[in-house]
N, C-alpha and C. Protein backbone atom coordinates (compact mmCIF):
# COMPACT_ATOMS: atom_id res chain seq x y z
N MET A 1 -41.63 16.88 14.04
CA MET A 1 -41.53 18.00 13.13
C MET A 1 -42.12 17.60 11.77
N GLU A 2 -42.87 18.51 11.19
CA GLU A 2 -43.47 18.24 9.89
C GLU A 2 -42.45 18.50 8.78
N ILE A 3 -42.31 17.53 7.87
CA ILE A 3 -41.41 17.66 6.74
C ILE A 3 -42.22 18.20 5.56
N THR A 4 -41.88 19.42 5.13
CA THR A 4 -42.64 20.06 4.05
C THR A 4 -42.04 19.73 2.69
N ALA A 5 -42.83 19.95 1.66
CA ALA A 5 -42.37 19.72 0.29
C ALA A 5 -41.19 20.64 -0.05
N GLN A 6 -41.21 21.86 0.51
CA GLN A 6 -40.12 22.81 0.27
C GLN A 6 -38.81 22.29 0.87
N MET A 7 -38.88 21.70 2.06
CA MET A 7 -37.68 21.13 2.69
C MET A 7 -37.12 19.99 1.84
N VAL A 8 -38.00 19.14 1.35
CA VAL A 8 -37.58 18.02 0.49
C VAL A 8 -36.94 18.56 -0.78
N LYS A 9 -37.55 19.58 -1.36
CA LYS A 9 -37.03 20.18 -2.60
C LYS A 9 -35.62 20.75 -2.38
N GLU A 10 -35.44 21.47 -1.28
CA GLU A 10 -34.13 22.07 -0.99
C GLU A 10 -33.06 21.00 -0.78
N LEU A 11 -33.41 19.94 -0.05
CA LEU A 11 -32.44 18.86 0.18
C LEU A 11 -32.12 18.15 -1.13
N ARG A 12 -33.12 17.99 -1.97
CA ARG A 12 -32.93 17.33 -3.27
C ARG A 12 -31.99 18.16 -4.14
N GLN A 13 -32.15 19.49 -4.13
CA GLN A 13 -31.27 20.36 -4.91
C GLN A 13 -29.84 20.30 -4.37
N LEU A 14 -29.72 20.19 -3.07
CA LEU A 14 -28.41 20.14 -2.43
C LEU A 14 -27.67 18.84 -2.73
N THR A 15 -28.39 17.72 -2.72
CA THR A 15 -27.74 16.42 -2.83
C THR A 15 -27.93 15.69 -4.15
N GLY A 16 -28.98 16.04 -4.90
CA GLY A 16 -29.28 15.32 -6.13
C GLY A 16 -29.95 13.98 -5.89
N ALA A 17 -30.32 13.68 -4.64
CA ALA A 17 -30.98 12.41 -4.31
C ALA A 17 -32.46 12.46 -4.71
N GLY A 18 -33.10 11.29 -4.73
CA GLY A 18 -34.50 11.20 -5.09
C GLY A 18 -35.42 11.80 -4.02
N VAL A 19 -36.63 12.13 -4.42
CA VAL A 19 -37.60 12.76 -3.52
C VAL A 19 -37.87 11.89 -2.30
N LEU A 20 -38.15 10.61 -2.51
CA LEU A 20 -38.47 9.72 -1.41
C LEU A 20 -37.29 9.55 -0.46
N ASP A 21 -36.09 9.43 -1.02
CA ASP A 21 -34.89 9.32 -0.17
C ASP A 21 -34.70 10.58 0.66
N CYS A 22 -34.93 11.75 0.07
CA CYS A 22 -34.80 13.02 0.79
C CYS A 22 -35.81 13.09 1.93
N ARG A 23 -37.05 12.72 1.64
CA ARG A 23 -38.09 12.75 2.67
C ARG A 23 -37.73 11.82 3.84
N LYS A 24 -37.29 10.60 3.52
CA LYS A 24 -36.92 9.63 4.56
C LYS A 24 -35.75 10.13 5.40
N ALA A 25 -34.75 10.73 4.74
CA ALA A 25 -33.59 11.24 5.47
C ALA A 25 -33.99 12.39 6.38
N LEU A 26 -34.86 13.28 5.92
CA LEU A 26 -35.33 14.38 6.75
C LEU A 26 -36.16 13.88 7.92
N GLU A 27 -36.98 12.88 7.68
CA GLU A 27 -37.78 12.31 8.77
C GLU A 27 -36.88 11.65 9.81
N ALA A 28 -35.86 10.94 9.34
CA ALA A 28 -34.94 10.24 10.26
C ALA A 28 -34.14 11.22 11.11
N THR A 29 -33.88 12.41 10.58
CA THR A 29 -33.08 13.40 11.32
C THR A 29 -33.92 14.53 11.90
N GLU A 30 -35.24 14.36 11.86
CA GLU A 30 -36.17 15.36 12.38
C GLU A 30 -35.94 16.74 11.78
N GLY A 31 -35.69 16.77 10.47
CA GLY A 31 -35.56 18.04 9.75
C GLY A 31 -34.18 18.66 9.74
N ASP A 32 -33.16 17.98 10.27
CA ASP A 32 -31.79 18.51 10.30
C ASP A 32 -31.16 18.31 8.91
N PHE A 33 -31.01 19.41 8.15
CA PHE A 33 -30.52 19.34 6.78
C PHE A 33 -29.13 18.73 6.68
N GLU A 34 -28.20 19.16 7.55
CA GLU A 34 -26.83 18.68 7.46
C GLU A 34 -26.74 17.19 7.72
N ARG A 35 -27.42 16.70 8.74
CA ARG A 35 -27.40 15.27 9.04
C ARG A 35 -28.10 14.48 7.93
N ALA A 36 -29.20 15.02 7.40
CA ALA A 36 -29.92 14.35 6.31
C ALA A 36 -29.02 14.25 5.07
N ALA A 37 -28.31 15.33 4.76
CA ALA A 37 -27.40 15.33 3.61
C ALA A 37 -26.28 14.32 3.81
N GLU A 38 -25.77 14.21 5.04
CA GLU A 38 -24.72 13.24 5.36
C GLU A 38 -25.21 11.81 5.16
N ILE A 39 -26.44 11.53 5.60
CA ILE A 39 -27.04 10.20 5.43
C ILE A 39 -27.14 9.88 3.94
N LEU A 40 -27.60 10.84 3.15
CA LEU A 40 -27.75 10.62 1.71
C LEU A 40 -26.40 10.43 1.03
N ARG A 41 -25.37 11.17 1.46
CA ARG A 41 -24.05 11.01 0.89
C ARG A 41 -23.51 9.61 1.18
N ALA A 42 -23.65 9.17 2.43
CA ALA A 42 -23.17 7.83 2.82
C ALA A 42 -23.90 6.76 2.01
N LYS A 43 -25.20 6.92 1.85
CA LYS A 43 -26.00 5.96 1.07
C LYS A 43 -25.53 5.95 -0.39
N GLY A 44 -25.26 7.12 -0.93
CA GLY A 44 -24.79 7.22 -2.31
C GLY A 44 -23.42 6.60 -2.50
N LEU A 45 -22.51 6.77 -1.53
CA LEU A 45 -21.17 6.18 -1.64
C LEU A 45 -21.24 4.67 -1.53
N ALA A 46 -22.13 4.15 -0.69
CA ALA A 46 -22.30 2.70 -0.57
C ALA A 46 -22.84 2.14 -1.89
N ALA A 47 -23.78 2.85 -2.49
CA ALA A 47 -24.33 2.42 -3.78
C ALA A 47 -23.25 2.48 -4.86
N ALA A 48 -22.40 3.49 -4.79
CA ALA A 48 -21.32 3.63 -5.77
C ALA A 48 -20.36 2.46 -5.68
N ALA A 49 -20.06 2.02 -4.46
CA ALA A 49 -19.15 0.88 -4.28
C ALA A 49 -19.73 -0.38 -4.91
N LYS A 50 -21.05 -0.57 -4.80
CA LYS A 50 -21.70 -1.74 -5.40
C LYS A 50 -21.61 -1.71 -6.93
N LYS A 51 -21.60 -0.51 -7.50
CA LYS A 51 -21.60 -0.36 -8.97
C LYS A 51 -20.21 -0.55 -9.57
N ALA A 52 -19.17 -0.55 -8.74
CA ALA A 52 -17.79 -0.59 -9.22
C ALA A 52 -17.47 -1.83 -10.05
N THR A 53 -18.23 -2.91 -9.89
CA THR A 53 -17.93 -4.13 -10.64
C THR A 53 -18.67 -4.19 -11.97
N ARG A 54 -19.57 -3.26 -12.20
CA ARG A 54 -20.36 -3.29 -13.44
C ARG A 54 -19.52 -2.80 -14.62
N GLU A 55 -19.81 -3.36 -15.79
CA GLU A 55 -19.04 -3.05 -16.99
C GLU A 55 -19.39 -1.65 -17.52
N ALA A 56 -18.36 -0.92 -17.92
CA ALA A 56 -18.54 0.44 -18.44
C ALA A 56 -17.89 0.52 -19.82
N LYS A 57 -18.72 0.49 -20.88
CA LYS A 57 -18.20 0.50 -22.25
C LYS A 57 -18.60 1.74 -23.03
N GLU A 58 -19.47 2.56 -22.47
CA GLU A 58 -19.86 3.81 -23.12
C GLU A 58 -18.98 4.92 -22.54
N GLY A 59 -19.26 6.16 -22.88
CA GLY A 59 -18.51 7.26 -22.29
C GLY A 59 -18.14 8.34 -23.28
N LEU A 60 -17.15 9.13 -22.89
CA LEU A 60 -16.71 10.27 -23.70
C LEU A 60 -15.21 10.43 -23.61
N ILE A 61 -14.71 11.20 -24.55
CA ILE A 61 -13.33 11.69 -24.47
C ILE A 61 -13.45 13.13 -23.98
N GLY A 62 -13.07 13.35 -22.73
CA GLY A 62 -13.06 14.72 -22.20
C GLY A 62 -11.86 15.44 -22.76
N HIS A 63 -12.01 16.74 -23.01
CA HIS A 63 -10.89 17.50 -23.56
C HIS A 63 -10.82 18.88 -22.93
N TYR A 64 -9.61 19.39 -22.92
CA TYR A 64 -9.39 20.75 -22.43
C TYR A 64 -8.16 21.31 -23.15
N VAL A 65 -8.30 22.50 -23.71
CA VAL A 65 -7.19 23.21 -24.33
C VAL A 65 -6.99 24.49 -23.53
N HIS A 66 -5.80 24.63 -22.96
CA HIS A 66 -5.51 25.79 -22.10
C HIS A 66 -5.38 27.05 -22.94
N THR A 67 -5.68 28.18 -22.34
CA THR A 67 -5.57 29.48 -23.00
C THR A 67 -4.22 29.62 -23.69
N GLY A 68 -4.24 30.03 -24.94
CA GLY A 68 -3.01 30.17 -25.71
C GLY A 68 -2.72 28.94 -26.57
N SER A 69 -3.49 27.89 -26.37
CA SER A 69 -3.39 26.65 -27.16
C SER A 69 -2.00 26.02 -27.17
N LYS A 70 -1.29 26.12 -26.05
CA LYS A 70 0.03 25.49 -25.95
C LYS A 70 -0.01 24.23 -25.09
N LEU A 71 -1.11 24.04 -24.34
CA LEU A 71 -1.29 22.87 -23.49
C LEU A 71 -2.68 22.31 -23.71
N ALA A 72 -2.78 20.97 -23.74
CA ALA A 72 -4.09 20.35 -23.91
C ALA A 72 -4.06 18.96 -23.29
N ALA A 73 -5.26 18.43 -23.05
CA ALA A 73 -5.36 17.06 -22.54
C ALA A 73 -6.62 16.40 -23.08
N LEU A 74 -6.53 15.09 -23.26
CA LEU A 74 -7.66 14.25 -23.62
C LEU A 74 -7.76 13.17 -22.54
N VAL A 75 -8.98 12.89 -22.08
CA VAL A 75 -9.19 11.88 -21.05
C VAL A 75 -10.36 10.99 -21.48
N GLU A 76 -10.11 9.67 -21.52
CA GLU A 76 -11.20 8.73 -21.81
C GLU A 76 -11.86 8.35 -20.50
N VAL A 77 -13.17 8.66 -20.39
CA VAL A 77 -13.94 8.34 -19.20
C VAL A 77 -15.12 7.48 -19.65
N ASN A 78 -15.24 6.30 -19.05
CA ASN A 78 -16.29 5.35 -19.45
C ASN A 78 -17.40 5.28 -18.41
N CYS A 79 -18.62 5.02 -18.91
CA CYS A 79 -19.78 4.79 -18.06
C CYS A 79 -20.56 3.63 -18.67
N GLU A 80 -21.69 3.28 -18.09
CA GLU A 80 -22.43 2.11 -18.55
C GLU A 80 -23.35 2.38 -19.75
N THR A 81 -23.90 3.59 -19.84
CA THR A 81 -24.87 3.86 -20.91
C THR A 81 -24.57 5.18 -21.61
N ASP A 82 -25.01 5.26 -22.85
CA ASP A 82 -24.88 6.48 -23.63
C ASP A 82 -25.72 7.60 -23.01
N PHE A 83 -26.84 7.23 -22.40
CA PHE A 83 -27.71 8.22 -21.75
C PHE A 83 -26.93 9.00 -20.69
N VAL A 84 -26.20 8.30 -19.83
CA VAL A 84 -25.42 8.97 -18.78
C VAL A 84 -24.28 9.77 -19.40
N ALA A 85 -23.67 9.25 -20.46
CA ALA A 85 -22.57 9.97 -21.10
C ALA A 85 -23.00 11.33 -21.62
N ARG A 86 -24.29 11.46 -21.94
CA ARG A 86 -24.79 12.74 -22.47
C ARG A 86 -25.25 13.71 -21.38
N THR A 87 -25.21 13.29 -20.12
CA THR A 87 -25.67 14.19 -19.05
C THR A 87 -24.65 15.30 -18.79
N GLU A 88 -25.17 16.39 -18.30
CA GLU A 88 -24.32 17.54 -17.98
C GLU A 88 -23.29 17.20 -16.91
N ALA A 89 -23.71 16.43 -15.90
CA ALA A 89 -22.81 16.07 -14.80
C ALA A 89 -21.63 15.23 -15.30
N PHE A 90 -21.89 14.27 -16.17
CA PHE A 90 -20.82 13.42 -16.71
C PHE A 90 -19.87 14.24 -17.58
N GLN A 91 -20.43 15.09 -18.42
CA GLN A 91 -19.59 15.92 -19.29
C GLN A 91 -18.74 16.89 -18.48
N ALA A 92 -19.31 17.42 -17.39
CA ALA A 92 -18.55 18.32 -16.51
C ALA A 92 -17.39 17.56 -15.86
N LEU A 93 -17.64 16.32 -15.43
CA LEU A 93 -16.58 15.49 -14.85
C LEU A 93 -15.46 15.28 -15.86
N CYS A 94 -15.81 14.95 -17.10
CA CYS A 94 -14.81 14.73 -18.15
C CYS A 94 -13.95 15.97 -18.37
N LYS A 95 -14.58 17.13 -18.41
CA LYS A 95 -13.83 18.38 -18.61
C LYS A 95 -12.93 18.67 -17.41
N ASP A 96 -13.47 18.47 -16.20
CA ASP A 96 -12.66 18.70 -15.00
C ASP A 96 -11.44 17.78 -14.96
N LEU A 97 -11.62 16.53 -15.38
CA LEU A 97 -10.49 15.60 -15.39
C LEU A 97 -9.44 16.02 -16.41
N ALA A 98 -9.87 16.50 -17.57
CA ALA A 98 -8.92 16.98 -18.58
C ALA A 98 -8.17 18.21 -18.07
N MET A 99 -8.88 19.12 -17.39
CA MET A 99 -8.22 20.29 -16.80
C MET A 99 -7.20 19.85 -15.74
N GLN A 100 -7.56 18.85 -14.95
CA GLN A 100 -6.67 18.32 -13.92
C GLN A 100 -5.37 17.79 -14.55
N VAL A 101 -5.51 17.06 -15.65
CA VAL A 101 -4.34 16.50 -16.33
C VAL A 101 -3.43 17.62 -16.84
N VAL A 102 -4.02 18.68 -17.39
CA VAL A 102 -3.21 19.81 -17.88
C VAL A 102 -2.48 20.47 -16.70
N ALA A 103 -3.20 20.74 -15.63
CA ALA A 103 -2.63 21.51 -14.51
C ALA A 103 -1.68 20.70 -13.63
N ALA A 104 -2.03 19.45 -13.31
CA ALA A 104 -1.29 18.70 -12.31
C ALA A 104 -0.28 17.70 -12.88
N ARG A 105 -0.27 17.49 -14.18
CA ARG A 105 0.72 16.65 -14.86
C ARG A 105 0.88 15.24 -14.28
N PRO A 106 -0.19 14.50 -14.11
CA PRO A 106 -0.01 13.13 -13.61
C PRO A 106 0.70 12.26 -14.65
N GLN A 107 1.33 11.19 -14.18
CA GLN A 107 2.01 10.26 -15.07
C GLN A 107 1.15 9.02 -15.37
N TRP A 108 0.35 8.61 -14.36
CA TRP A 108 -0.46 7.40 -14.47
C TRP A 108 -1.87 7.69 -13.97
N VAL A 109 -2.83 6.83 -14.31
CA VAL A 109 -4.20 7.02 -13.86
C VAL A 109 -4.33 6.64 -12.39
N ARG A 110 -3.91 5.41 -12.02
CA ARG A 110 -4.05 4.94 -10.63
C ARG A 110 -2.75 4.32 -10.13
N ILE A 111 -2.69 4.06 -8.85
CA ILE A 111 -1.49 3.51 -8.22
C ILE A 111 -1.09 2.19 -8.89
N GLU A 112 -2.10 1.34 -9.20
CA GLU A 112 -1.81 0.04 -9.81
C GLU A 112 -1.14 0.17 -11.17
N ASP A 113 -1.24 1.33 -11.81
CA ASP A 113 -0.66 1.53 -13.14
C ASP A 113 0.83 1.88 -13.10
N VAL A 114 1.33 2.23 -11.91
CA VAL A 114 2.75 2.59 -11.79
C VAL A 114 3.58 1.31 -11.95
N PRO A 115 4.52 1.28 -12.89
CA PRO A 115 5.33 0.07 -13.09
C PRO A 115 6.10 -0.32 -11.81
N ALA A 116 6.21 -1.61 -11.58
CA ALA A 116 6.87 -2.13 -10.37
C ALA A 116 8.30 -1.61 -10.25
N GLU A 117 9.00 -1.48 -11.40
CA GLU A 117 10.39 -1.01 -11.33
C GLU A 117 10.47 0.45 -10.89
N VAL A 118 9.46 1.26 -11.23
CA VAL A 118 9.43 2.66 -10.79
C VAL A 118 9.20 2.72 -9.28
N VAL A 119 8.27 1.90 -8.79
CA VAL A 119 7.99 1.85 -7.34
C VAL A 119 9.25 1.43 -6.59
N GLU A 120 9.91 0.38 -7.09
CA GLU A 120 11.13 -0.11 -6.44
C GLU A 120 12.22 0.95 -6.42
N GLN A 121 12.39 1.67 -7.55
CA GLN A 121 13.40 2.72 -7.65
C GLN A 121 13.11 3.86 -6.66
N GLN A 122 11.82 4.24 -6.55
CA GLN A 122 11.46 5.31 -5.60
C GLN A 122 11.78 4.89 -4.18
N ARG A 123 11.42 3.65 -3.82
CA ARG A 123 11.71 3.15 -2.47
C ARG A 123 13.21 3.18 -2.19
N LYS A 124 14.01 2.74 -3.17
CA LYS A 124 15.47 2.73 -2.99
C LYS A 124 16.00 4.15 -2.82
N THR A 125 15.45 5.09 -3.58
CA THR A 125 15.86 6.49 -3.48
C THR A 125 15.57 7.03 -2.07
N TYR A 126 14.36 6.75 -1.57
CA TYR A 126 13.99 7.21 -0.23
C TYR A 126 14.84 6.54 0.85
N GLU A 127 15.13 5.25 0.67
CA GLU A 127 15.98 4.54 1.63
C GLU A 127 17.37 5.15 1.65
N ALA A 128 17.90 5.49 0.48
CA ALA A 128 19.23 6.11 0.38
C ALA A 128 19.24 7.48 1.06
N GLU A 129 18.17 8.26 0.88
CA GLU A 129 18.06 9.57 1.52
C GLU A 129 18.10 9.46 3.04
N LEU A 130 17.51 8.40 3.56
CA LEU A 130 17.40 8.24 5.02
C LEU A 130 18.51 7.39 5.62
N ALA A 131 19.44 6.93 4.80
CA ALA A 131 20.49 6.01 5.25
C ALA A 131 21.31 6.57 6.42
N GLY A 132 21.59 7.85 6.42
CA GLY A 132 22.39 8.46 7.48
C GLY A 132 21.64 8.66 8.78
N ASP A 133 20.33 8.67 8.73
CA ASP A 133 19.52 8.85 9.94
C ASP A 133 19.54 7.56 10.75
N HIS A 134 19.80 7.68 12.01
CA HIS A 134 19.86 6.49 12.87
C HIS A 134 18.53 6.36 13.60
N LYS A 135 17.52 5.95 12.83
CA LYS A 135 16.16 5.79 13.38
C LYS A 135 15.82 4.30 13.38
N PRO A 136 14.92 3.90 14.27
CA PRO A 136 14.49 2.49 14.28
C PRO A 136 13.86 2.11 12.93
N ALA A 137 13.94 0.82 12.60
CA ALA A 137 13.46 0.31 11.31
C ALA A 137 11.98 0.62 11.09
N GLU A 138 11.14 0.49 12.14
CA GLU A 138 9.71 0.75 11.97
C GLU A 138 9.43 2.23 11.69
N VAL A 139 10.23 3.12 12.26
CA VAL A 139 10.08 4.56 12.00
C VAL A 139 10.49 4.85 10.56
N MET A 140 11.60 4.24 10.12
CA MET A 140 12.06 4.42 8.74
C MET A 140 11.00 3.92 7.76
N ALA A 141 10.39 2.77 8.07
CA ALA A 141 9.36 2.20 7.19
C ALA A 141 8.18 3.15 7.08
N ARG A 142 7.76 3.75 8.20
CA ARG A 142 6.63 4.71 8.17
C ARG A 142 6.98 5.95 7.36
N ILE A 143 8.20 6.43 7.51
CA ILE A 143 8.65 7.61 6.75
C ILE A 143 8.62 7.30 5.25
N ILE A 144 9.14 6.14 4.88
CA ILE A 144 9.17 5.75 3.47
C ILE A 144 7.74 5.60 2.93
N GLU A 145 6.84 5.00 3.71
CA GLU A 145 5.45 4.87 3.27
C GLU A 145 4.81 6.25 3.06
N GLY A 146 5.12 7.20 3.96
CA GLY A 146 4.62 8.57 3.80
C GLY A 146 5.14 9.22 2.53
N LYS A 147 6.43 9.00 2.24
CA LYS A 147 7.02 9.54 1.02
C LYS A 147 6.41 8.90 -0.23
N MET A 148 6.14 7.59 -0.15
CA MET A 148 5.51 6.90 -1.28
C MET A 148 4.09 7.43 -1.51
N ALA A 149 3.37 7.69 -0.42
CA ALA A 149 2.00 8.24 -0.54
C ALA A 149 2.05 9.60 -1.24
N ARG A 150 3.04 10.44 -0.90
CA ARG A 150 3.19 11.74 -1.57
C ARG A 150 3.55 11.56 -3.04
N PHE A 151 4.43 10.58 -3.32
CA PHE A 151 4.80 10.28 -4.71
C PHE A 151 3.55 9.91 -5.52
N TYR A 152 2.70 9.02 -4.97
CA TYR A 152 1.48 8.62 -5.67
C TYR A 152 0.54 9.81 -5.84
N GLU A 153 0.45 10.65 -4.81
CA GLU A 153 -0.44 11.82 -4.87
C GLU A 153 -0.01 12.78 -5.97
N GLU A 154 1.29 12.90 -6.17
CA GLU A 154 1.80 13.81 -7.21
C GLU A 154 1.67 13.21 -8.61
N ASN A 155 1.79 11.88 -8.73
CA ASN A 155 1.93 11.25 -10.04
C ASN A 155 0.75 10.43 -10.53
N CYS A 156 -0.20 10.11 -9.66
CA CYS A 156 -1.36 9.30 -10.06
C CYS A 156 -2.62 10.17 -10.05
N LEU A 157 -3.25 10.29 -11.20
CA LEU A 157 -4.42 11.16 -11.35
C LEU A 157 -5.46 10.92 -10.26
N MET A 158 -5.83 9.67 -10.00
CA MET A 158 -6.90 9.38 -9.05
C MET A 158 -6.54 9.76 -7.61
N GLU A 159 -5.25 9.90 -7.30
CA GLU A 159 -4.80 10.24 -5.94
C GLU A 159 -4.61 11.74 -5.75
N GLN A 160 -4.63 12.50 -6.83
CA GLN A 160 -4.33 13.93 -6.74
C GLN A 160 -5.46 14.73 -6.11
N PRO A 161 -5.12 15.81 -5.39
CA PRO A 161 -6.16 16.72 -4.92
C PRO A 161 -6.75 17.44 -6.14
N PHE A 162 -8.06 17.61 -6.14
CA PHE A 162 -8.76 18.26 -7.24
C PHE A 162 -8.34 19.72 -7.31
N ILE A 163 -7.98 20.21 -8.50
CA ILE A 163 -7.48 21.57 -8.63
C ILE A 163 -8.51 22.64 -8.25
N LYS A 164 -9.80 22.31 -8.36
CA LYS A 164 -10.84 23.29 -8.01
C LYS A 164 -11.21 23.26 -6.53
N ASP A 165 -10.83 22.18 -5.83
CA ASP A 165 -11.13 22.04 -4.40
C ASP A 165 -10.15 21.01 -3.83
N GLU A 166 -9.04 21.49 -3.28
CA GLU A 166 -7.96 20.60 -2.85
C GLU A 166 -8.31 19.71 -1.67
N SER A 167 -9.48 19.92 -1.06
CA SER A 167 -9.90 19.04 0.03
C SER A 167 -10.50 17.75 -0.52
N VAL A 168 -10.70 17.68 -1.84
CA VAL A 168 -11.30 16.52 -2.49
C VAL A 168 -10.27 15.87 -3.41
N LYS A 169 -10.11 14.55 -3.29
CA LYS A 169 -9.23 13.83 -4.22
C LYS A 169 -10.03 13.48 -5.48
N ILE A 170 -9.33 13.28 -6.58
CA ILE A 170 -9.98 12.94 -7.85
C ILE A 170 -10.81 11.67 -7.71
N LYS A 171 -10.28 10.67 -7.00
CA LYS A 171 -11.05 9.42 -6.84
C LYS A 171 -12.36 9.66 -6.11
N ASP A 172 -12.38 10.62 -5.17
CA ASP A 172 -13.62 10.96 -4.45
C ASP A 172 -14.58 11.72 -5.35
N LEU A 173 -14.04 12.57 -6.22
CA LEU A 173 -14.86 13.30 -7.19
C LEU A 173 -15.56 12.31 -8.13
N VAL A 174 -14.83 11.31 -8.60
CA VAL A 174 -15.41 10.29 -9.48
C VAL A 174 -16.46 9.49 -8.73
N THR A 175 -16.16 9.08 -7.49
CA THR A 175 -17.11 8.31 -6.68
C THR A 175 -18.38 9.09 -6.43
N ALA A 176 -18.26 10.39 -6.17
CA ALA A 176 -19.44 11.23 -5.95
C ALA A 176 -20.29 11.30 -7.21
N THR A 177 -19.65 11.33 -8.37
CA THR A 177 -20.39 11.36 -9.64
C THR A 177 -21.08 10.02 -9.89
N VAL A 178 -20.42 8.92 -9.52
CA VAL A 178 -21.04 7.59 -9.61
C VAL A 178 -22.30 7.56 -8.75
N ALA A 179 -22.19 8.07 -7.53
CA ALA A 179 -23.33 8.09 -6.61
C ALA A 179 -24.47 8.95 -7.17
N LYS A 180 -24.11 10.05 -7.79
CA LYS A 180 -25.12 10.97 -8.32
C LYS A 180 -25.81 10.41 -9.56
N LEU A 181 -25.04 9.79 -10.46
CA LEU A 181 -25.59 9.34 -11.74
C LEU A 181 -26.08 7.89 -11.70
N GLY A 182 -25.65 7.14 -10.71
CA GLY A 182 -26.14 5.76 -10.56
C GLY A 182 -25.53 4.75 -11.52
N GLU A 183 -24.36 5.06 -12.06
CA GLU A 183 -23.66 4.13 -12.95
C GLU A 183 -22.19 4.07 -12.59
N ASN A 184 -21.57 2.94 -12.91
CA ASN A 184 -20.14 2.82 -12.73
C ASN A 184 -19.43 3.76 -13.71
N ILE A 185 -18.39 4.42 -13.23
CA ILE A 185 -17.59 5.33 -14.07
C ILE A 185 -16.13 4.94 -13.90
N ILE A 186 -15.44 4.80 -15.02
CA ILE A 186 -14.03 4.43 -14.99
C ILE A 186 -13.23 5.44 -15.80
N VAL A 187 -12.17 5.96 -15.19
CA VAL A 187 -11.23 6.82 -15.92
C VAL A 187 -10.24 5.85 -16.56
N ARG A 188 -10.30 5.71 -17.88
CA ARG A 188 -9.54 4.67 -18.58
C ARG A 188 -8.09 5.09 -18.86
N ARG A 189 -7.92 6.28 -19.47
CA ARG A 189 -6.57 6.72 -19.86
C ARG A 189 -6.61 8.21 -20.19
N PHE A 190 -5.41 8.80 -20.31
CA PHE A 190 -5.33 10.22 -20.67
C PHE A 190 -4.07 10.48 -21.48
N ALA A 191 -4.08 11.62 -22.16
CA ALA A 191 -2.89 12.08 -22.88
C ALA A 191 -2.76 13.58 -22.63
N ARG A 192 -1.55 14.02 -22.33
CA ARG A 192 -1.29 15.45 -22.10
C ARG A 192 -0.33 15.90 -23.19
N LEU A 193 -0.69 17.00 -23.85
CA LEU A 193 0.12 17.53 -24.94
C LEU A 193 0.60 18.93 -24.58
N GLU A 194 1.88 19.17 -24.86
CA GLU A 194 2.44 20.49 -24.59
C GLU A 194 3.36 20.86 -25.74
N VAL A 195 3.16 22.06 -26.29
CA VAL A 195 3.99 22.52 -27.41
C VAL A 195 5.44 22.59 -26.95
N GLY A 196 6.34 21.93 -27.69
CA GLY A 196 7.76 21.95 -27.36
C GLY A 196 8.11 21.09 -26.15
N GLY A 197 7.14 20.32 -25.62
CA GLY A 197 7.39 19.58 -24.38
C GLY A 197 7.66 18.15 -24.56
């Protein structure tokens, strides 16, 4: 099958990948757009994983003030260069993260940020809830792990489902932006403000 410039252009608009990468992916899949896009996504995620160790000292403070000015959030998001910090995609990510903080009320950025005493207290609470159930120890352990996963999903920003598309977690949204922009991105910290709260 002949790969036309129009096909490459459409795939590039869909994925944000480079022209040559789009052409190669289309050639490898004999013009199948969905498979080509999947190949490019996988390649981008692999590249994003390699960038995770690079230092990120530039960035922006994303902000969002909810209608009525009674709720607001600030989020520090770092990247490697000022050039990337000024891109529309990076700024959109910062705003989306600030909106997420306002709407979903996370307590911490990532699982590692949750204090050990809080984790221990949650586990004890779940163990106490299940104390009356006469289930095998391995079943109880799986139930507690499931409850802990839900606790992290509710309280850790990076584990939360994205408010604009609940099929995507925040950590996946950040990783996709890393793949698109080609730089390491770190969500450093956030603050949520609520009048009277």
